[in-house]
Amino acid sequence: MKNKKKITKVLKKIIKYIALAFILLIAYFIGESTYENIKKNQIINEFKSRAYETVEVSQHDTTYFYHKIKRTYDYELSDTRSVFYDAKKVNPGQKGDILLTFESPFPYIPVVDQIYGYWLGGHAALVGDNNQIYQSTGIGDNGTLDFTTIFNVIMHRGYDETDKYGLSVQSVSNYWMTPFRNETHSEFPYYGRFYRDEIMSLRLKSRNIETFDLELDVAVNYAKDKTNRGLYNYLFIFDTKYKYYCTDLVTRAFGQINKDLGTNYTLDRDGIFPSMYDILLSSDTYMTIYKETKPDGIHVYYLEDMEV
């Protein structure tokens, strides 16, 4: 009886310590997320504060307000490329740029939407050649989840050469600033025709402008190699060899530059669970475009074009 009481007492202590550790872990993540949100807003506000000229354009049945941002820093001046693919400025990013949104892909799921958007962010994609983007979404074409398919993908070894599930890395035309969604899509009631209300584009800070094109080729080719076969990773930090979630694909693509060319770019600070915040707050990236939807139209803040 005495031994049984001792065992019970020990078990209670263990449960107590586990509960305390869990509470401390949650507190840490809340504190970290709060800090990251503050830093994110600081970056956005600093970027917008440099706007010096606005041009109003009517296109795609809406009004776009283009706010030019003065290039100030050396890394903004050394890369003279436009931050858009096209002259009309509706296709954000050039080869090697990163597209981010912190808005959740689950606006139709209360609580999950808020938690996911606040702690993890929404989605990331890598811009390739010819206005193509590489992305891993884990969501079907209609914006919904199929749990039977998710289970099958989790149980799959990884590379799906036949793209049987339609949940592999995709190469698609850049849709981030043009209308692409209709009423049948699950996200339409929340975001309308356009992808998200808030998006941004980031660019890698060049360490060596002479080898920069080669570096970007390495990153883009890494993502291209996974297209239509590298399955989505619903387990995130597990089963990572042949599977990818959105920020994982992007950060591993840039990590390949380090492996191939001996650079030391860091887009994933802890090396465990790359998030949108890791990419945005990295000292190796900088903002080139910030787009937000307001009642009067779409406002686009972008680094000015340079005369070359």
Protein backbone atom coordinates (compact mmCIF):
# COMPACT_ATOMS: atom_id res chain seq x y z
CA MET A 1 0.00 0.00 0.00
CA LYS A 2 2.86 2.36 0.90
CA ASN A 3 4.60 1.68 -2.43
CA LYS A 4 1.36 2.33 -4.28
CA LYS A 5 1.04 5.72 -2.57
CA LYS A 6 4.63 6.57 -3.49
CA ILE A 7 4.01 5.65 -7.12
CA THR A 8 0.84 7.73 -7.18
CA LYS A 9 2.71 10.70 -5.69
CA VAL A 10 5.50 10.37 -8.27
CA LEU A 11 2.99 10.15 -11.10
CA LYS A 12 1.21 13.28 -9.89
CA LYS A 13 4.53 15.13 -9.85
CA ILE A 14 5.35 13.96 -13.35
CA ILE A 15 1.93 15.06 -14.64
CA LYS A 16 2.36 18.38 -12.88
CA TYR A 17 5.76 18.99 -14.47
CA ILE A 18 4.49 17.95 -17.90
CA ALA A 19 1.55 20.34 -17.55
CA LEU A 20 3.87 23.14 -16.43
CA ALA A 21 6.23 22.48 -19.35
CA PHE A 22 3.28 22.55 -21.74
CA ILE A 23 2.03 25.86 -20.32
CA LEU A 24 5.52 27.37 -20.56
CA LEU A 25 5.82 26.14 -24.15
CA ILE A 26 2.50 27.72 -25.10
CA ALA A 27 3.54 30.96 -23.36
CA TYR A 28 6.80 30.94 -25.30
CA PHE A 29 5.05 30.51 -28.64
CA ILE A 30 2.54 33.25 -27.82
CA GLY A 31 5.37 35.59 -26.82
CA GLU A 32 7.41 34.75 -29.90
CA SER A 33 4.43 35.19 -32.22
CA THR A 34 3.58 38.53 -30.62
CA TYR A 35 7.17 39.71 -31.12
CA GLU A 36 7.19 38.50 -34.73
CA ASN A 37 3.90 40.27 -35.47
CA ILE A 38 5.29 43.51 -34.06
CA LYS A 39 8.43 43.17 -36.19
CA LYS A 40 6.36 42.36 -39.27
CA ASN A 41 4.26 45.50 -38.82
CA GLN A 42 7.40 47.58 -38.31
CA ILE A 43 8.86 46.33 -41.60
CA ILE A 44 5.62 47.06 -43.45
CA ASN A 45 5.20 50.53 -41.94
CA GLU A 46 8.82 51.49 -42.63
CA PHE A 47 8.43 50.36 -46.23
CA LYS A 48 5.19 52.27 -46.76
CA SER A 49 6.61 55.41 -45.15
CA ARG A 50 9.06 55.78 -48.06
CA ALA A 51 6.29 56.20 -50.66
CA TYR A 52 6.69 59.43 -52.59
CA GLU A 53 4.35 59.22 -55.60
CA THR A 54 1.00 57.58 -56.33
CA VAL A 55 -0.47 56.59 -59.70
CA GLU A 56 -4.09 55.45 -60.06
CA VAL A 57 -4.87 52.77 -62.66
CA SER A 58 -8.19 51.11 -63.56
CA GLN A 59 -7.80 47.46 -64.56
CA HIS A 60 -9.46 44.09 -63.91
CA ASP A 61 -12.68 45.93 -62.99
CA THR A 62 -11.10 47.57 -59.98
CA THR A 63 -8.81 50.47 -59.10
CA TYR A 64 -5.13 49.94 -58.38
CA PHE A 65 -3.22 52.63 -56.49
CA TYR A 66 0.50 52.28 -57.17
CA HIS A 67 2.72 53.92 -54.55
CA LYS A 68 6.37 54.27 -55.54
CA ILE A 69 8.93 53.53 -52.84
CA LYS A 70 12.31 55.23 -52.96
CA ARG A 71 15.22 52.82 -53.21
CA THR A 72 17.48 53.73 -50.33
CA TYR A 73 19.63 50.83 -49.18
CA ASP A 74 22.63 49.38 -51.02
CA TYR A 75 20.92 46.04 -51.58
CA GLU A 76 17.94 47.80 -53.16
CA LEU A 77 20.19 49.81 -55.46
CA SER A 78 22.54 46.99 -56.47
CA ASP A 79 19.75 44.80 -57.90
CA THR A 80 18.41 47.00 -60.69
CA ARG A 81 15.68 44.61 -61.85
CA SER A 82 12.06 45.71 -61.74
CA VAL A 83 10.15 44.14 -58.87
CA PHE A 84 7.37 43.16 -61.30
CA TYR A 85 7.45 40.75 -64.22
CA ASP A 86 5.26 42.91 -66.45
CA ALA A 87 4.95 46.57 -67.42
CA LYS A 88 1.36 46.76 -66.11
CA LYS A 89 2.61 45.75 -62.65
CA VAL A 90 0.06 43.04 -61.93
CA ASN A 91 2.54 40.15 -61.77
CA PRO A 92 4.69 40.57 -58.67
CA GLY A 93 8.23 39.26 -58.52
CA GLN A 94 11.09 38.26 -60.78
CA LYS A 95 13.10 35.02 -60.81
CA GLY A 96 14.12 34.09 -57.28
CA ASP A 97 11.71 36.45 -55.51
CA ILE A 98 9.50 35.13 -52.72
CA LEU A 99 5.77 35.80 -52.41
CA LEU A 100 4.25 35.78 -48.92
CA THR A 101 0.85 36.19 -47.35
CA PHE A 102 0.11 36.00 -43.64
CA GLU A 103 -3.60 35.44 -44.18
CA SER A 104 -4.78 31.91 -43.51
CA PRO A 105 -5.94 29.54 -46.27
CA PHE A 106 -8.75 28.42 -43.95
CA PRO A 107 -10.99 31.50 -43.56
CA TYR A 108 -14.00 29.18 -43.43
CA ILE A 109 -12.77 27.42 -40.25
CA PRO A 110 -13.27 29.66 -37.17
CA VAL A 111 -10.48 29.71 -34.57
CA VAL A 112 -8.19 27.63 -36.83
CA ASP A 113 -8.12 30.57 -39.23
CA GLN A 114 -7.05 33.03 -36.52
CA ILE A 115 -4.52 30.71 -34.87
CA TYR A 116 -2.96 29.61 -38.15
CA GLY A 117 -2.65 33.15 -39.48
CA TYR A 118 -1.22 34.57 -36.25
CA TRP A 119 1.29 31.84 -35.41
CA LEU A 120 2.31 30.46 -38.81
CA GLY A 121 1.16 32.79 -41.56
CA GLY A 122 -0.66 31.86 -44.73
CA HIS A 123 1.38 30.83 -47.76
CA ALA A 124 4.72 31.25 -49.54
CA ALA A 125 5.75 30.73 -53.16
CA LEU A 126 8.94 31.03 -55.18
CA VAL A 127 8.92 33.00 -58.44
CA GLY A 128 10.60 31.26 -61.39
CA ASP A 129 11.12 32.19 -65.02
CA ASN A 130 8.39 33.41 -67.38
CA ASN A 131 6.02 34.52 -64.62
CA GLN A 132 5.73 30.99 -63.21
CA ILE A 133 5.63 30.35 -59.48
CA TYR A 134 6.50 27.21 -57.55
CA GLN A 135 4.38 26.34 -54.55
CA SER A 136 3.21 23.53 -52.30
CA THR A 137 -0.30 24.05 -50.94
CA GLY A 138 -1.75 20.77 -49.71
CA ILE A 139 -5.19 22.06 -50.69
CA GLY A 140 -7.37 20.97 -53.60
CA ASP A 141 -8.27 23.17 -56.56
CA ASN A 142 -11.55 24.25 -54.95
CA GLY A 143 -9.80 25.39 -51.77
CA THR A 144 -10.99 22.55 -49.53
CA LEU A 145 -9.37 19.64 -47.70
CA ASP A 146 -10.14 15.97 -48.29
CA PHE A 147 -9.13 14.01 -45.21
CA THR A 148 -9.02 10.62 -46.93
CA THR A 149 -6.56 11.99 -49.47
CA ILE A 150 -4.56 13.67 -46.70
CA PHE A 151 -4.21 10.32 -44.92
CA ASN A 152 -3.07 8.65 -48.15
CA VAL A 153 -0.50 11.39 -48.74
CA ILE A 154 0.82 11.06 -45.18
CA MET A 155 1.26 7.33 -45.66
CA HIS A 156 2.95 7.75 -49.06
CA ARG A 157 6.77 7.47 -49.21
CA GLY A 158 7.11 10.95 -50.72
CA TYR A 159 7.81 11.42 -54.41
CA ASP A 160 4.66 10.77 -56.42
CA GLU A 161 5.92 10.56 -60.00
CA THR A 162 2.37 10.26 -61.38
CA ASP A 163 1.02 13.19 -59.33
CA LYS A 164 -1.86 10.86 -58.43
CA TYR A 165 -3.23 13.05 -55.65
CA GLY A 166 -2.76 16.46 -57.26
CA LEU A 167 -1.04 17.59 -54.06
CA SER A 168 2.53 17.78 -55.28
CA VAL A 169 4.65 20.90 -55.77
CA GLN A 170 3.02 22.97 -58.51
CA SER A 171 4.31 25.22 -61.25
CA VAL A 172 1.54 27.69 -62.14
CA SER A 173 1.17 31.14 -63.65
CA ASN A 174 1.50 33.93 -61.12
CA TYR A 175 -2.02 34.68 -59.84
CA TRP A 176 -1.22 36.67 -56.71
CA MET A 177 -2.40 40.10 -57.90
CA THR A 178 -4.94 39.30 -60.61
CA PRO A 179 -8.49 37.92 -60.28
CA PHE A 180 -8.53 34.12 -60.55
CA ARG A 181 -11.23 32.88 -58.17
CA ASN A 182 -14.98 32.46 -58.83
CA GLU A 183 -18.06 31.84 -56.70
CA THR A 184 -17.54 28.06 -56.55
CA HIS A 185 -14.31 28.42 -54.61
CA SER A 186 -14.54 27.96 -50.83
CA GLU A 187 -12.51 31.13 -50.19
CA PHE A 188 -14.59 33.39 -52.46
CA PRO A 189 -16.96 34.66 -49.70
CA TYR A 190 -13.92 35.78 -47.68
CA TYR A 191 -11.34 37.01 -50.22
CA GLY A 192 -13.41 37.55 -53.37
CA ARG A 193 -11.84 37.25 -56.83
CA PHE A 194 -8.32 38.09 -55.69
CA TYR A 195 -5.98 35.73 -53.86
CA ARG A 196 -5.55 37.54 -50.53
CA ASP A 197 -6.23 41.03 -49.17
CA GLU A 198 -2.61 41.37 -48.09
CA ILE A 199 0.46 40.01 -49.86
CA MET A 200 4.13 40.94 -50.12
CA SER A 201 7.12 40.14 -52.26
CA LEU A 202 10.64 39.70 -50.90
CA ARG A 203 14.03 39.51 -52.59
CA LEU A 204 17.29 37.93 -51.58
CA LYS A 205 20.07 40.38 -50.69
CA SER A 206 22.84 39.74 -53.16
CA ARG A 207 26.19 38.79 -51.64
CA ASN A 208 27.93 38.84 -55.02
CA ILE A 209 26.14 40.48 -57.94
CA GLU A 210 28.38 38.63 -60.44
CA THR A 211 27.18 35.20 -59.29
CA PHE A 212 23.67 36.23 -58.26
CA ASP A 213 21.94 34.87 -61.38
CA LEU A 214 23.60 31.51 -60.84
CA GLU A 215 22.46 31.48 -57.21
CA LEU A 216 18.87 32.20 -58.18
CA ASP A 217 19.02 29.49 -60.85
CA VAL A 218 20.04 26.96 -58.19
CA ALA A 219 17.04 27.88 -55.99
CA VAL A 220 14.53 27.88 -58.84
CA ASN A 221 15.84 24.61 -60.29
CA TYR A 222 15.53 22.98 -56.87
CA ALA A 223 11.81 23.82 -56.76
CA LYS A 224 11.37 22.96 -60.43
CA ASP A 225 12.80 19.48 -59.80
CA LYS A 226 10.06 18.80 -57.22
CA THR A 227 7.21 19.90 -59.50
CA ASN A 228 4.41 17.34 -59.96
CA ARG A 229 6.13 14.79 -57.72
CA GLY A 230 7.18 16.23 -54.36
CA LEU A 231 4.12 15.65 -52.17
CA TYR A 232 2.84 18.07 -49.56
CA ASN A 233 4.07 17.42 -46.02
CA TYR A 234 1.17 17.49 -43.57
CA LEU A 235 3.48 16.35 -40.75
CA PHE A 236 5.71 19.43 -41.12
CA ILE A 237 8.81 18.57 -39.06
CA PHE A 238 8.54 14.81 -39.74
CA ASP A 239 8.85 12.83 -42.99
CA THR A 240 10.69 15.68 -44.69
CA LYS A 241 12.98 13.87 -47.13
CA TYR A 242 10.62 13.85 -50.12
CA LYS A 243 7.75 16.04 -48.91
CA TYR A 244 7.37 19.81 -48.66
CA TYR A 245 5.06 22.42 -47.24
CA CYS A 246 5.14 25.93 -48.65
CA THR A 247 7.83 27.67 -46.58
CA ASP A 248 9.79 24.43 -46.34
CA LEU A 249 10.02 24.29 -50.15
CA VAL A 250 11.17 27.91 -50.35
CA THR A 251 13.77 27.77 -47.58
CA ARG A 252 15.18 24.45 -48.78
CA ALA A 253 15.48 25.90 -52.28
CA PHE A 254 17.68 28.70 -50.94
CA GLY A 255 19.49 26.26 -48.69
CA GLN A 256 20.54 24.43 -51.86
CA ILE A 257 22.48 27.55 -52.88
CA ASN A 258 24.59 27.14 -49.75
CA LYS A 259 25.22 23.48 -50.55
CA ASP A 260 26.11 24.03 -54.21
CA LEU A 261 27.95 27.34 -54.07
CA GLY A 262 29.23 27.63 -50.50
CA THR A 263 27.14 30.65 -49.54
CA ASN A 264 25.58 31.11 -46.11
CA TYR A 265 22.09 32.48 -46.70
CA THR A 266 19.74 31.88 -43.76
CA LEU A 267 16.00 32.04 -44.34
CA ASP A 268 15.13 29.58 -41.58
CA ARG A 269 16.54 30.87 -38.30
CA ASP A 270 16.09 27.76 -36.13
CA GLY A 271 16.43 25.18 -38.90
CA ILE A 272 13.43 23.23 -37.61
CA PHE A 273 10.11 24.72 -38.64
CA PRO A 274 10.47 27.46 -41.30
CA SER A 275 7.60 29.92 -41.24
CA MET A 276 6.58 33.05 -43.12
CA TYR A 277 7.99 35.05 -40.20
CA ASP A 278 11.40 33.39 -40.55
CA ILE A 279 11.58 34.41 -44.21
CA LEU A 280 10.34 37.96 -43.64
CA LEU A 281 12.56 38.63 -40.62
CA SER A 282 15.66 37.06 -42.16
CA SER A 283 18.58 39.46 -42.52
CA ASP A 284 19.08 37.99 -46.01
CA THR A 285 15.77 39.21 -47.47
CA TYR A 286 14.13 42.57 -48.05
CA MET A 287 10.67 43.74 -49.06
CA THR A 288 10.07 44.83 -52.65
CA ILE A 289 6.25 44.93 -52.83
CA TYR A 290 3.48 45.29 -50.31
CA LYS A 291 -0.13 45.03 -51.51
CA GLU A 292 -3.25 45.58 -49.44
CA THR A 293 -6.91 45.70 -50.41
CA LYS A 294 -8.97 48.60 -49.05
CA PRO A 295 -12.58 49.67 -49.69
CA ASP A 296 -11.47 52.08 -52.43
CA GLY A 297 -9.34 49.54 -54.28
CA ILE A 298 -6.01 47.74 -54.30
CA HIS A 299 -3.02 49.64 -52.92
CA VAL A 300 0.39 48.50 -54.13
CA TYR A 301 3.60 49.82 -52.58
CA TYR A 302 6.65 48.89 -54.64
CA LEU A 303 10.32 49.72 -55.07
CA GLU A 304 10.64 52.21 -57.91
CA ASP A 305 11.97 51.15 -61.30
CA MET A 306 15.55 52.19 -61.97
CA GLU A 307 16.91 53.75 -65.13
CA VAL A 308 19.67 51.51 -66.45
